[in-house]
C-alpha atoms as a PDB file:
ATOM      1  CA  MET A   1      60.013   1.128  17.983  1.00  0.00           C
ATOM      2  CA  LEU A   2      58.968  -2.229  19.397  1.00  0.00           C
ATOM      3  CA  LYS A   3      59.154  -4.841  16.663  1.00  0.00           C
ATOM      4  CA  LEU A   4      56.253  -7.189  15.925  1.00  0.00           C
ATOM      5  CA  ASN A   5      57.420 -10.650  14.820  1.00  0.00           C
ATOM      6  CA  TYR A   6      55.713 -10.659  11.447  1.00  0.00           C
ATOM      7  CA  ILE A   7      55.734 -12.420   8.095  1.00  0.00           C
ATOM      8  CA  GLY A   8      56.686  -9.935   5.412  1.00  0.00           C
ATOM      9  CA  SER A   9      57.938  -7.260   7.807  1.00  0.00           C
ATOM     10  CA  LYS A  10      60.262  -4.817   6.090  1.00  0.00           C
ATOM     11  CA  HIS A  11      62.107  -3.854   9.268  1.00  0.00           C
ATOM     12  CA  SER A  12      65.299  -5.660   8.229  1.00  0.00           C
ATOM     13  CA  LEU A  13      65.096  -4.235   4.689  1.00  0.00           C
ATOM     14  CA  LEU A  14      64.646  -0.571   5.606  1.00  0.00           C
ATOM     15  CA  ASP A  15      68.174   0.427   4.607  1.00  0.00           C
ATOM     16  CA  PHE A  16      67.727  -1.187   1.192  1.00  0.00           C
ATOM     17  CA  LEU A  17      64.298   0.379   0.697  1.00  0.00           C
ATOM     18  CA  ASN A  18      65.438   3.841   1.783  1.00  0.00           C
ATOM     19  CA  GLU A  19      68.470   3.770  -0.504  1.00  0.00           C
ATOM     20  CA  ALA A  20      66.516   2.496  -3.521  1.00  0.00           C
ATOM     21  CA  ILE A  21      63.674   4.958  -3.035  1.00  0.00           C
ATOM     22  CA  GLN A  22      65.909   7.973  -2.439  1.00  0.00           C
ATOM     23  CA  GLU A  23      67.983   7.168  -5.546  1.00  0.00           C
ATOM     24  CA  ASN A  24      64.909   7.058  -7.778  1.00  0.00           C
ATOM     25  CA  ILE A  25      62.291   9.367  -6.238  1.00  0.00           C
ATOM     26  CA  ASP A  26      62.258  12.954  -4.983  1.00  0.00           C
ATOM     27  CA  LEU A  27      60.716  12.730  -1.505  1.00  0.00           C
ATOM     28  CA  ASN A  28      60.716  16.458  -0.797  1.00  0.00           C
ATOM     29  CA  ASN A  29      57.316  17.620   0.528  1.00  0.00           C
ATOM     30  CA  LYS A  30      55.701  14.384  -0.602  1.00  0.00           C
ATOM     31  CA  THR A  31      52.810  12.417   0.889  1.00  0.00           C
ATOM     32  CA  ILE A  32      53.211   8.641   0.918  1.00  0.00           C
ATOM     33  CA  LEU A  33      50.366   6.151   1.147  1.00  0.00           C
ATOM     34  CA  ASP A  34      51.292   2.824   2.753  1.00  0.00           C
ATOM     35  CA  VAL A  35      48.486   0.506   1.596  1.00  0.00           C
ATOM     36  CA  PHE A  36      49.426  -2.627   3.602  1.00  0.00           C
ATOM     37  CA  SER A  37      50.937  -1.242   6.782  1.00  0.00           C
ATOM     38  CA  GLY A  38      51.390  -4.553   8.659  1.00  0.00           C
ATOM     39  CA  THR A  39      53.834  -3.756  11.458  1.00  0.00           C
ATOM     40  CA  ALA A  40      53.889  -0.056  10.444  1.00  0.00           C
ATOM     41  CA  SER A  41      57.676  -0.166  10.056  1.00  0.00           C
ATOM     42  CA  ILE A  42      57.475   1.574   6.667  1.00  0.00           C
ATOM     43  CA  GLY A  43      55.099   4.288   7.872  1.00  0.00           C
ATOM     44  CA  PHE A  44      57.171   4.860  11.001  1.00  0.00           C
ATOM     45  CA  ASN A  45      60.320   5.021   8.882  1.00  0.00           C
ATOM     46  CA  PHE A  46      58.863   7.781   6.682  1.00  0.00           C
ATOM     47  CA  ARG A  47      57.364   9.581   9.668  1.00  0.00           C
ATOM     48  CA  LYS A  48      60.867   9.900  11.095  1.00  0.00           C
ATOM     49  CA  GLN A  49      61.996  11.362   7.764  1.00  0.00           C
ATOM     50  CA  GLY A  50      59.370  14.092   8.011  1.00  0.00           C
ATOM     51  CA  LEU A  51      57.059  12.916   5.235  1.00  0.00           C
ATOM     52  CA  LYS A  52      53.300  13.034   5.542  1.00  0.00           C
ATOM     53  CA  VAL A  53      52.126   9.434   5.842  1.00  0.00           C
ATOM     54  CA  ILE A  54      48.753   7.888   5.094  1.00  0.00           C
ATOM     55  CA  SER A  55      48.789   4.395   6.564  1.00  0.00           C
ATOM     56  CA  ASN A  56      46.231   1.676   5.859  1.00  0.00           C
ATOM     57  CA  ASP A  57      45.552  -1.932   6.706  1.00  0.00           C
ATOM     58  CA  LEU A  58      42.416  -4.055   6.533  1.00  0.00           C
ATOM     59  CA  GLU A  59      43.396  -6.055   9.629  1.00  0.00           C
ATOM     60  CA  TYR A  60      42.235  -4.311  12.796  1.00  0.00           C
ATOM     61  CA  TYR A  61      45.314  -5.139  14.874  1.00  0.00           C
ATOM     62  CA  SER A  62      47.512  -3.625  12.140  1.00  0.00           C
ATOM     63  CA  TYR A  63      45.326  -0.528  11.982  1.00  0.00           C
ATOM     64  CA  ILE A  64      45.839  -0.007  15.730  1.00  0.00           C
ATOM     65  CA  ILE A  65      49.592  -0.523  15.496  1.00  0.00           C
ATOM     66  CA  ALA A  66      49.791   1.858  12.543  1.00  0.00           C
ATOM     67  CA  TYR A  67      47.807   4.522  14.384  1.00  0.00           C
ATOM     68  CA  ALA A  68      50.158   4.237  17.354  1.00  0.00           C
ATOM     69  CA  CYS A  69      53.303   4.353  15.211  1.00  0.00           C
ATOM     70  CA  VAL A  70      52.335   6.799  12.482  1.00  0.00           C
ATOM     71  CA  LYS A  71      50.056   9.285  14.246  1.00  0.00           C
ATOM     72  CA  SER A  72      50.258   8.983  18.047  1.00  0.00           C
ATOM     73  CA  ASN A  73      52.842  10.746  20.193  1.00  0.00           C
ATOM     74  CA  TYR A  74      54.582   9.521  23.319  1.00  0.00           C
ATOM     75  CA  ASN A  75      54.475  11.916  26.267  1.00  0.00           C
ATOM     76  CA  SER A  76      54.793  12.093  30.051  1.00  0.00           C
ATOM     77  CA  LYS A  77      51.114  11.254  30.553  1.00  0.00           C
ATOM     78  CA  LEU A  78      51.498   8.018  28.601  1.00  0.00           C
ATOM     79  CA  LYS A  79      54.744   7.219  30.383  1.00  0.00           C
ATOM     80  CA  ASN A  80      52.964   7.498  33.746  1.00  0.00           C
ATOM     81  CA  LEU A  81      49.941   5.533  32.507  1.00  0.00           C
ATOM     82  CA  ILE A  82      52.137   2.684  31.309  1.00  0.00           C
ATOM     83  CA  LYS A  83      53.811   2.584  34.728  1.00  0.00           C
ATOM     84  CA  LYS A  84      50.399   2.390  36.423  1.00  0.00           C
ATOM     85  CA  LEU A  85      49.066  -0.194  33.962  1.00  0.00           C
ATOM     86  CA  ASN A  86      52.011  -2.444  34.779  1.00  0.00           C
ATOM     87  CA  GLU A  87      50.853  -2.331  38.418  1.00  0.00           C
ATOM     88  CA  GLU A  88      47.347  -3.633  37.620  1.00  0.00           C
ATOM     89  CA  LYS A  89      46.322  -6.793  39.445  1.00  0.00           C
ATOM     90  CA  PRO A  90      45.843  -9.796  37.126  1.00  0.00           C
ATOM     91  CA  ILE A  91      42.333 -10.875  36.117  1.00  0.00           C
ATOM     92  CA  SER A  92      40.990 -13.803  34.128  1.00  0.00           C
ATOM     93  CA  GLY A  93      39.499 -12.120  31.085  1.00  0.00           C
ATOM     94  CA  LEU A  94      38.800 -13.198  27.531  1.00  0.00           C
ATOM     95  CA  LEU A  95      42.412 -13.825  26.528  1.00  0.00           C
ATOM     96  CA  THR A  96      43.031 -15.981  29.592  1.00  0.00           C
ATOM     97  CA  LYS A  97      39.860 -18.006  29.113  1.00  0.00           C
ATOM     98  CA  ASN A  98      40.292 -18.653  25.402  1.00  0.00           C
ATOM     99  CA  TYR A  99      44.015 -18.726  24.672  1.00  0.00           C
ATOM    100  CA  THR A 100      45.651 -20.323  27.729  1.00  0.00           C
ATOM    101  CA  GLU A 101      45.367 -23.572  29.670  1.00  0.00           C
ATOM    102  CA  PHE A 102      43.087 -21.814  32.167  1.00  0.00           C
ATOM    103  CA  SER A 103      39.949 -23.282  30.582  1.00  0.00           C
ATOM    104  CA  SER A 104      41.177 -24.623  27.241  1.00  0.00           C
ATOM    105  CA  HIS A 105      44.079 -26.625  25.855  1.00  0.00           C
ATOM    106  CA  ARG A 106      45.531 -23.608  24.034  1.00  0.00           C
ATOM    107  CA  MET A 107      49.030 -22.556  25.113  1.00  0.00           C
ATOM    108  CA  TYR A 108      49.384 -19.194  23.388  1.00  0.00           C
ATOM    109  CA  PHE A 109      50.344 -17.512  26.668  1.00  0.00           C
ATOM    110  CA  THR A 110      51.031 -18.613  30.203  1.00  0.00           C
ATOM    111  CA  ILE A 111      48.006 -18.107  32.441  1.00  0.00           C
ATOM    112  CA  GLU A 112      49.880 -15.526  34.498  1.00  0.00           C
ATOM    113  CA  ASN A 113      50.879 -13.413  31.506  1.00  0.00           C
ATOM    114  CA  ALA A 114      47.438 -13.593  29.923  1.00  0.00           C
ATOM    115  CA  GLN A 115      45.845 -12.485  33.209  1.00  0.00           C
ATOM    116  CA  LYS A 116      48.172  -9.496  33.305  1.00  0.00           C
ATOM    117  CA  ILE A 117      47.423  -8.650  29.662  1.00  0.00           C
ATOM    118  CA  ASP A 118      43.670  -8.979  30.338  1.00  0.00           C
ATOM    119  CA  ALA A 119      43.922  -6.625  33.306  1.00  0.00           C
ATOM    120  CA  ILE A 120      45.718  -3.989  31.247  1.00  0.00           C
ATOM    121  CA  ARG A 121      43.422  -4.429  28.242  1.00  0.00           C
ATOM    122  CA  ASN A 122      40.283  -3.925  30.360  1.00  0.00           C
ATOM    123  CA  LYS A 123      41.779  -1.001  32.270  1.00  0.00           C
ATOM    124  CA  ILE A 124      42.562   0.862  29.047  1.00  0.00           C
ATOM    125  CA  GLU A 125      38.830   0.936  28.257  1.00  0.00           C
ATOM    126  CA  THR A 126      38.100   2.748  31.546  1.00  0.00           C
ATOM    127  CA  LEU A 127      40.628   5.548  31.102  1.00  0.00           C
ATOM    128  CA  THR A 128      39.839   9.042  29.846  1.00  0.00           C
ATOM    129  CA  LEU A 129      41.957   9.231  26.716  1.00  0.00           C
ATOM    130  CA  SER A 130      42.176  11.017  23.397  1.00  0.00           C
ATOM    131  CA  PRO A 131      42.075   8.750  20.317  1.00  0.00           C
ATOM    132  CA  SER A 132      45.826   9.248  19.957  1.00  0.00           C
ATOM    133  CA  GLU A 133      46.471   8.142  23.543  1.00  0.00           C
ATOM    134  CA  TYR A 134      44.020   5.244  23.326  1.00  0.00           C
ATOM    135  CA  TYR A 135      45.627   3.769  20.216  1.00  0.00           C
ATOM    136  CA  PHE A 136      49.117   4.364  21.561  1.00  0.00           C
ATOM    137  CA  LEU A 137      48.358   2.298  24.654  1.00  0.00           C
ATOM    138  CA  LEU A 138      46.502  -0.398  22.745  1.00  0.00           C
ATOM    139  CA  GLY A 139      49.199  -0.614  20.070  1.00  0.00           C
ATOM    140  CA  SER A 140      51.830  -0.846  22.803  1.00  0.00           C
ATOM    141  CA  LEU A 141      49.864  -3.675  24.430  1.00  0.00           C
ATOM    142  CA  LEU A 142      49.530  -5.654  21.190  1.00  0.00           C
ATOM    143  CA  VAL A 143      53.212  -5.469  20.334  1.00  0.00           C
ATOM    144  CA  SER A 144      54.289  -6.064  23.948  1.00  0.00           C
ATOM    145  CA  ALA A 145      52.008  -9.107  24.197  1.00  0.00           C
ATOM    146  CA  ASP A 146      53.523 -10.519  21.022  1.00  0.00           C
ATOM    147  CA  GLN A 147      56.931 -10.582  22.711  1.00  0.00           C
ATOM    148  CA  TYR A 148      55.600 -13.158  25.211  1.00  0.00           C
ATOM    149  CA  ALA A 149      53.455 -15.285  22.892  1.00  0.00           C
ATOM    150  CA  ASN A 150      54.263 -18.994  22.904  1.00  0.00           C
ATOM    151  CA  VAL A 151      54.199 -19.331  19.138  1.00  0.00           C
ATOM    152  CA  PRO A 152      56.670 -20.213  16.373  1.00  0.00           C
ATOM    153  CA  ALA A 153      56.304 -16.594  15.121  1.00  0.00           C
ATOM    154  CA  ILE A 154      52.774 -16.705  13.676  1.00  0.00           C
ATOM    155  CA  TYR A 155      49.620 -17.621  15.622  1.00  0.00           C
ATOM    156  CA  GLY A 156      48.583 -20.405  13.266  1.00  0.00           C
ATOM    157  CA  SER A 157      49.808 -22.763  15.985  1.00  0.00           C
ATOM    158  CA  TYR A 158      51.192 -22.678  19.512  1.00  0.00           C
ATOM    159  CA  LEU A 159      54.150 -24.545  20.945  1.00  0.00           C
ATOM    160  CA  LYS A 160      53.624 -27.667  23.056  1.00  0.00           C
ATOM    161  CA  LYS A 161      56.225 -26.489  25.543  1.00  0.00           C
ATOM    162  CA  TYR A 162      56.626 -22.911  26.753  1.00  0.00           C
ATOM    163  CA  LYS A 163      59.640 -21.209  25.258  1.00  0.00           C
ATOM    164  CA  LYS A 164      61.918 -19.172  27.508  1.00  0.00           C
ATOM    165  CA  ARG A 165      60.549 -15.731  26.592  1.00  0.00           C
ATOM    166  CA  ALA A 166      56.944 -16.877  27.067  1.00  0.00           C
ATOM    167  CA  LEU A 167      57.751 -17.779  30.675  1.00  0.00           C
ATOM    168  CA  GLU A 168      59.110 -14.354  31.564  1.00  0.00           C
ATOM    169  CA  PRO A 169      56.740 -12.005  33.474  1.00  0.00           C
ATOM    170  CA  PHE A 170      54.810  -9.711  31.146  1.00  0.00           C
ATOM    171  CA  ILE A 171      55.817  -6.037  31.026  1.00  0.00           C
ATOM    172  CA  LEU A 172      54.012  -3.392  28.986  1.00  0.00           C
ATOM    173  CA  LYS A 173      56.432  -1.148  27.075  1.00  0.00           C
ATOM    174  CA  PRO A 174      55.790   1.906  24.886  1.00  0.00           C
ATOM    175  CA  ILE A 175      55.650   1.076  21.189  1.00  0.00           C
ATOM    176  CA  HIS A 176      57.880   4.087  20.474  1.00  0.00           C
ATOM    177  CA  GLU A 177      59.090   7.307  22.141  1.00  0.00           C
ATOM    178  CA  ILE A 178      58.574   9.897  19.397  1.00  0.00           C
ATOM    179  CA  ASN A 179      56.713  13.168  19.967  1.00  0.00           C
ATOM    180  CA  ASP A 180      56.332  15.379  16.920  1.00  0.00           C
ATOM    181  CA  GLU A 181      53.847  17.505  15.035  1.00  0.00           C
ATOM    182  CA  ASN A 182      52.300  15.567  12.172  1.00  0.00           C
ATOM    183  CA  GLU A 183      49.276  15.513   9.900  1.00  0.00           C
ATOM    184  CA  ASN A 184      49.430  11.782   9.276  1.00  0.00           C
ATOM    185  CA  GLU A 185      46.313   9.727   8.610  1.00  0.00           C
ATOM    186  CA  VAL A 186      45.430   6.114   9.360  1.00  0.00           C
ATOM    187  CA  LEU A 187      42.847   4.055   7.478  1.00  0.00           C
ATOM    188  CA  ASN A 188      41.206   0.654   7.960  1.00  0.00           C
ATOM    189  CA  GLN A 189      39.994  -0.072   4.429  1.00  0.00           C
ATOM    190  CA  GLU A 190      40.113  -2.618   1.639  1.00  0.00           C
ATOM    191  CA  SER A 191      42.780  -1.549  -0.854  1.00  0.00           C
ATOM    192  CA  LEU A 192      40.447  -0.857  -3.784  1.00  0.00           C
ATOM    193  CA  GLU A 193      38.260   1.384  -1.611  1.00  0.00           C
ATOM    194  CA  ILE A 194      41.090   3.785  -0.731  1.00  0.00           C
ATOM    195  CA  ASP A 195      41.005   7.298  -2.158  1.00  0.00           C
ATOM    196  CA  VAL A 196      44.548   7.652  -3.514  1.00  0.00           C
ATOM    197  CA  SER A 197      44.135  11.254  -4.697  1.00  0.00           C
ATOM    198  CA  GLY A 198      45.911  12.763  -1.679  1.00  0.00           C
ATOM    199  CA  ALA A 199      49.093  10.729  -2.147  1.00  0.00           C
ATOM    200  CA  ASP A 200      52.109  11.488  -4.314  1.00  0.00           C
ATOM    201  CA  ILE A 201      53.774   8.136  -3.695  1.00  0.00           C
ATOM    202  CA  ILE A 202      51.988   4.843  -3.099  1.00  0.00           C
ATOM    203  CA  TYR A 203      53.803   1.968  -1.399  1.00  0.00           C
ATOM    204  CA  LEU A 204      52.424  -1.547  -1.853  1.00  0.00           C
ATOM    205  CA  ASP A 205      53.593  -4.491   0.225  1.00  0.00           C
ATOM    206  CA  PRO A 206      50.819  -7.032  -0.415  1.00  0.00           C
ATOM    207  CA  PRO A 207      50.798 -10.623   0.871  1.00  0.00           C
ATOM    208  CA  TYR A 208      53.167 -12.857  -1.093  1.00  0.00           C
ATOM    209  CA  ASN A 209      51.395 -16.166  -0.491  1.00  0.00           C
ATOM    210  CA  GLU A 210      47.976 -17.738   0.070  1.00  0.00           C
ATOM    211  CA  ARG A 211      48.100 -17.673   3.879  1.00  0.00           C
ATOM    212  CA  GLN A 212      45.582 -15.186   5.229  1.00  0.00           C
ATOM    213  CA  TYR A 213      46.911 -12.725   7.810  1.00  0.00           C
ATOM    214  CA  GLY A 214      43.590 -12.753   9.673  1.00  0.00           C
ATOM    215  CA  LYS A 215      44.135 -16.437  10.409  1.00  0.00           C
ATOM    216  CA  ASN A 216      47.857 -16.195  11.088  1.00  0.00           C
ATOM    217  CA  TYR A 217      47.387 -13.384  13.636  1.00  0.00           C
ATOM    218  CA  HIS A 218      43.854 -14.027  14.910  1.00  0.00           C
ATOM    219  CA  VAL A 219      44.895 -13.856  18.564  1.00  0.00           C
ATOM    220  CA  LEU A 220      46.091 -10.259  18.095  1.00  0.00           C
ATOM    221  CA  ASN A 221      42.742  -9.355  16.524  1.00  0.00           C
ATOM    222  CA  TYR A 222      40.952 -11.005  19.445  1.00  0.00           C
ATOM    223  CA  LEU A 223      42.985  -9.008  21.953  1.00  0.00           C
ATOM    224  CA  ALA A 224      42.527  -5.809  19.961  1.00  0.00           C
ATOM    225  CA  LYS A 225      38.741  -6.118  19.780  1.00  0.00           C
ATOM    226  CA  ASN A 226      38.350  -7.421  23.344  1.00  0.00           C
ATOM    227  CA  GLU A 227      34.921  -8.863  22.563  1.00  0.00           C
ATOM    228  CA  ASP A 228      33.487 -12.325  23.229  1.00  0.00           C
ATOM    229  CA  LEU A 229      33.790 -13.322  19.583  1.00  0.00           C
ATOM    230  CA  GLU A 230      32.836 -16.752  18.315  1.00  0.00           C
ATOM    231  CA  ILE A 231      35.949 -18.877  17.912  1.00  0.00           C
ATOM    232  CA  TYR A 232      36.470 -22.466  16.812  1.00  0.00           C
ATOM    233  CA  GLY A 233      38.999 -25.232  16.347  1.00  0.00           C
ATOM    234  CA  LYS A 234      42.212 -26.238  18.025  1.00  0.00           C
ATOM    235  CA  THR A 235      43.770 -22.801  17.595  1.00  0.00           C
ATOM    236  CA  GLY A 236      40.682 -20.725  18.420  1.00  0.00           C
ATOM    237  CA  LEU A 237      40.250 -19.081  15.031  1.00  0.00           C
ATOM    238  CA  ILE A 238      37.748 -16.232  14.912  1.00  0.00           C
ATOM    239  CA  LYS A 239      34.697 -17.350  12.930  1.00  0.00           C
ATOM    240  CA  GLU A 240      34.201 -14.012  11.164  1.00  0.00           C
ATOM    241  CA  THR A 241      37.598 -13.333   9.606  1.00  0.00           C
ATOM    242  CA  VAL A 242      38.416 -10.910   6.808  1.00  0.00           C
ATOM    243  CA  LEU A 243      39.798 -12.706   3.745  1.00  0.00           C
ATOM    244  CA  SER A 244      41.942 -10.890   1.189  1.00  0.00           C
ATOM    245  CA  ASP A 245      41.945 -11.474  -2.571  1.00  0.00           C
ATOM    246  CA  TRP A 246      45.619 -10.527  -2.525  1.00  0.00           C
ATOM    247  CA  CYS A 247      46.206 -13.986  -1.028  1.00  0.00           C
ATOM    248  CA  SER A 248      44.521 -15.709  -3.981  1.00  0.00           C
ATOM    249  CA  ARG A 249      46.755 -16.956  -6.774  1.00  0.00           C
ATOM    250  CA  LYS A 250      43.869 -16.400  -9.193  1.00  0.00           C
ATOM    251  CA  ASN A 251      42.688 -13.007  -7.949  1.00  0.00           C
ATOM    252  CA  ALA A 252      45.926 -11.245  -6.891  1.00  0.00           C
ATOM    253  CA  PRO A 253      46.969 -10.217 -10.447  1.00  0.00           C
ATOM    254  CA  ILE A 254      43.438  -8.946 -11.118  1.00  0.00           C
ATOM    255  CA  ILE A 255      43.440  -6.856  -7.929  1.00  0.00           C
ATOM    256  CA  LEU A 256      46.895  -5.440  -8.714  1.00  0.00           C
ATOM    257  CA  ASP A 257      45.685  -4.415 -12.174  1.00  0.00           C
ATOM    258  CA  LYS A 258      42.558  -2.768 -10.751  1.00  0.00           C
ATOM    259  CA  PHE A 259      44.556  -0.924  -8.123  1.00  0.00           C
ATOM    260  CA  LEU A 260      47.141   0.441 -10.557  1.00  0.00           C
ATOM    261  CA  SER A 261      44.353   1.608 -12.854  1.00  0.00           C
ATOM    262  CA  LYS A 262      43.461   4.143 -10.099  1.00  0.00           C
ATOM    263  CA  CYS A 263      46.992   5.502  -9.838  1.00  0.00           C
ATOM    264  CA  ALA A 264      47.501   7.660 -12.927  1.00  0.00           C
ATOM    265  CA  GLY A 265      50.061  10.383 -12.231  1.00  0.00           C
ATOM    266  CA  LYS A 266      51.379   8.624  -9.134  1.00  0.00           C
ATOM    267  CA  THR A 267      54.665   6.946  -8.312  1.00  0.00           C
ATOM    268  CA  VAL A 268      53.890   3.409  -7.172  1.00  0.00           C
ATOM    269  CA  ILE A 269      56.453   1.331  -5.300  1.00  0.00           C
ATOM    270  CA  MET A 270      55.731  -2.354  -4.802  1.00  0.00           C
ATOM    271  CA  SER A 271      57.698  -4.760  -2.630  1.00  0.00           C
ATOM    272  CA  TYR A 272      57.456  -8.383  -3.669  1.00  0.00           C
ATOM    273  CA  ASN A 273      59.775 -11.377  -3.604  1.00  0.00           C
ATOM    274  CA  ASN A 274      60.699 -14.203  -5.940  1.00  0.00           C
ATOM    275  CA  GLU A 275      58.461 -16.646  -4.032  1.00  0.00           C
ATOM    276  CA  GLY A 276      55.287 -14.589  -4.491  1.00  0.00           C
ATOM    277  CA  ILE A 277      52.086 -15.894  -6.050  1.00  0.00           C
ATOM    278  CA  ILE A 278      52.138 -13.247  -8.828  1.00  0.00           C
ATOM    279  CA  SER A 279      54.868 -14.071 -11.318  1.00  0.00           C
ATOM    280  CA  HIS A 280      57.723 -11.712 -12.068  1.00  0.00           C
ATOM    281  CA  GLU A 281      56.617 -11.478 -15.699  1.00  0.00           C
ATOM    282  CA  LYS A 282      52.991 -10.734 -14.768  1.00  0.00           C
ATOM    283  CA  ILE A 283      53.944  -7.904 -12.418  1.00  0.00           C
ATOM    284  CA  ARG A 284      56.041  -6.263 -15.127  1.00  0.00           C
ATOM    285  CA  GLU A 285      53.239  -6.685 -17.645  1.00  0.00           C
ATOM    286  CA  ILE A 286      50.695  -5.028 -15.343  1.00  0.00           C
ATOM    287  CA  PHE A 287      52.962  -2.109 -14.421  1.00  0.00           C
ATOM    288  CA  GLU A 288      53.948  -1.453 -18.040  1.00  0.00           C
ATOM    289  CA  LYS A 289      50.263  -1.348 -18.955  1.00  0.00           C
ATOM    290  CA  TYR A 290      50.029   1.950 -17.033  1.00  0.00           C
ATOM    291  CA  GLY A 291      53.489   3.495 -17.303  1.00  0.00           C
ATOM    292  CA  GLU A 292      57.233   3.000 -16.962  1.00  0.00           C
ATOM    293  CA  VAL A 293      58.696   0.639 -14.373  1.00  0.00           C
ATOM    294  CA  LYS A 294      62.137   0.093 -12.853  1.00  0.00           C
ATOM    295  CA  LEU A 295      63.218  -2.958 -10.884  1.00  0.00           C
ATOM    296  CA  VAL A 296      65.661  -3.018  -7.962  1.00  0.00           C
ATOM    297  CA  GLU A 297      66.436  -6.264  -6.131  1.00  0.00           C
ATOM    298  CA  LYS A 298      68.245  -7.517  -3.057  1.00  0.00           C
ATOM    299  CA  GLU A 299      69.045 -10.945  -1.657  1.00  0.00           C
ATOM    300  CA  TYR A 300      68.108 -11.391   1.993  1.00  0.00           C
ATOM    301  CA  LYS A 301      67.473 -14.042   4.614  1.00  0.00           C
ATOM    302  CA  ARG A 302      64.092 -15.778   4.472  1.00  0.00           C
ATOM    303  CA  PHE A 303      61.650 -15.148   7.353  1.00  0.00           C
ATOM    304  CA  LYS A 304      62.488 -17.670  10.075  1.00  0.00           C
ATOM    305  CA  ASN A 305      59.502 -19.318  11.714  1.00  0.00           C
ATOM    306  CA  PHE A 306      61.159 -20.227  15.055  1.00  0.00           C
ATOM    307  CA  LYS A 307      62.836 -23.564  14.190  1.00  0.00           C
ATOM    308  CA  TYR A 308      60.244 -25.274  12.052  1.00  0.00           C
ATOM    309  CA  ASN A 309      61.059 -24.005   8.573  1.00  0.00           C
ATOM    310  CA  GLU A 310      64.200 -24.019   6.494  1.00  0.00           C
ATOM    311  CA  ASP A 311      66.849 -21.353   6.511  1.00  0.00           C
ATOM    312  CA  GLY A 312      67.691 -19.846   3.189  1.00  0.00           C
ATOM    313  CA  LYS A 313      67.924 -16.814   0.974  1.00  0.00           C
ATOM    314  CA  THR A 314      65.285 -15.137  -1.122  1.00  0.00           C
ATOM    315  CA  LEU A 315      65.195 -12.149  -3.466  1.00  0.00           C
ATOM    316  CA  GLU A 316      63.285  -9.003  -2.585  1.00  0.00           C
ATOM    317  CA  TYR A 317      62.063  -7.081  -5.595  1.00  0.00           C
ATOM    318  CA  LEU A 318      61.256  -3.399  -5.467  1.00  0.00           C
ATOM    319  CA  TRP A 319      59.141  -2.367  -8.453  1.00  0.00           C
ATOM    320  CA  ILE A 320      59.117   1.408  -8.986  1.00  0.00           C
ATOM    321  CA  GLY A 321      56.407   2.513 -11.376  1.00  0.00           C
ATOM    322  CA  PHE A 322      55.991   5.994 -12.820  1.00  0.00           C
ATOM    323  CA  LEU A 323      52.375   5.888 -13.937  1.00  0.00           C
END
């Protein structure tokens, strides 16, 4: 699976999560709902284990990536299409015009790479594809494009000089190479709107801080939607951006309480760390309001934002609630 460079990604913690979950929960014939799919690493992990997965994210780019990773299959048709898409002649489309030096000051991609990405993005819309194939190709494009982005990890800023990887010629790669039979589902909903009745296990990995993902990854949303959206400012933020209450220090505990109130009879697993905006004590209080809770923790390396933030360790908490 191609890895998206992402704040809060659980890719490096999968061994810890798998061990903790398997020690405390019977996964046999269970359906798991991943409420904040992000990079889809959790959903993809459980797909490979044979579980039924329901994946959700409010951000459109994450919804696409989740669809590709949790539901779509890789096959010979897609392999051939990716080969042909890599042969497309570059064009100056929306990404080139708005997020390169072609007609703005923004250095998110080199002009050449953005032109290649634009050509592939536009070509995908002309192909005769099933939904599964469409989202596989689009998810592959989003994650491939991220590999060449001239950013310090997130898209809240771009670098003033092109880093080495950003200068390499763009190549579209498949997001994964799995082909299996599955009944997985993918949603694009606000967390409180989700019908949780079909899930046995609910996995929560909400934002830990007040930085909105829609603003940190706006360029991926712009590429995903491929529409002439209204943007503004030095970094080309999309004017109409979804804002999450989970990123509000005031509202996050309220939303957690409301969500858990819907989960009677479910096992709820919540990833959170010691730097999160909901306090350790408050999380325990909310979980114990609805049932029993167990805490497992692990020290790990803090997310590294290129070279502009400090190295260090942080604690990952895994709250396991039996509600």
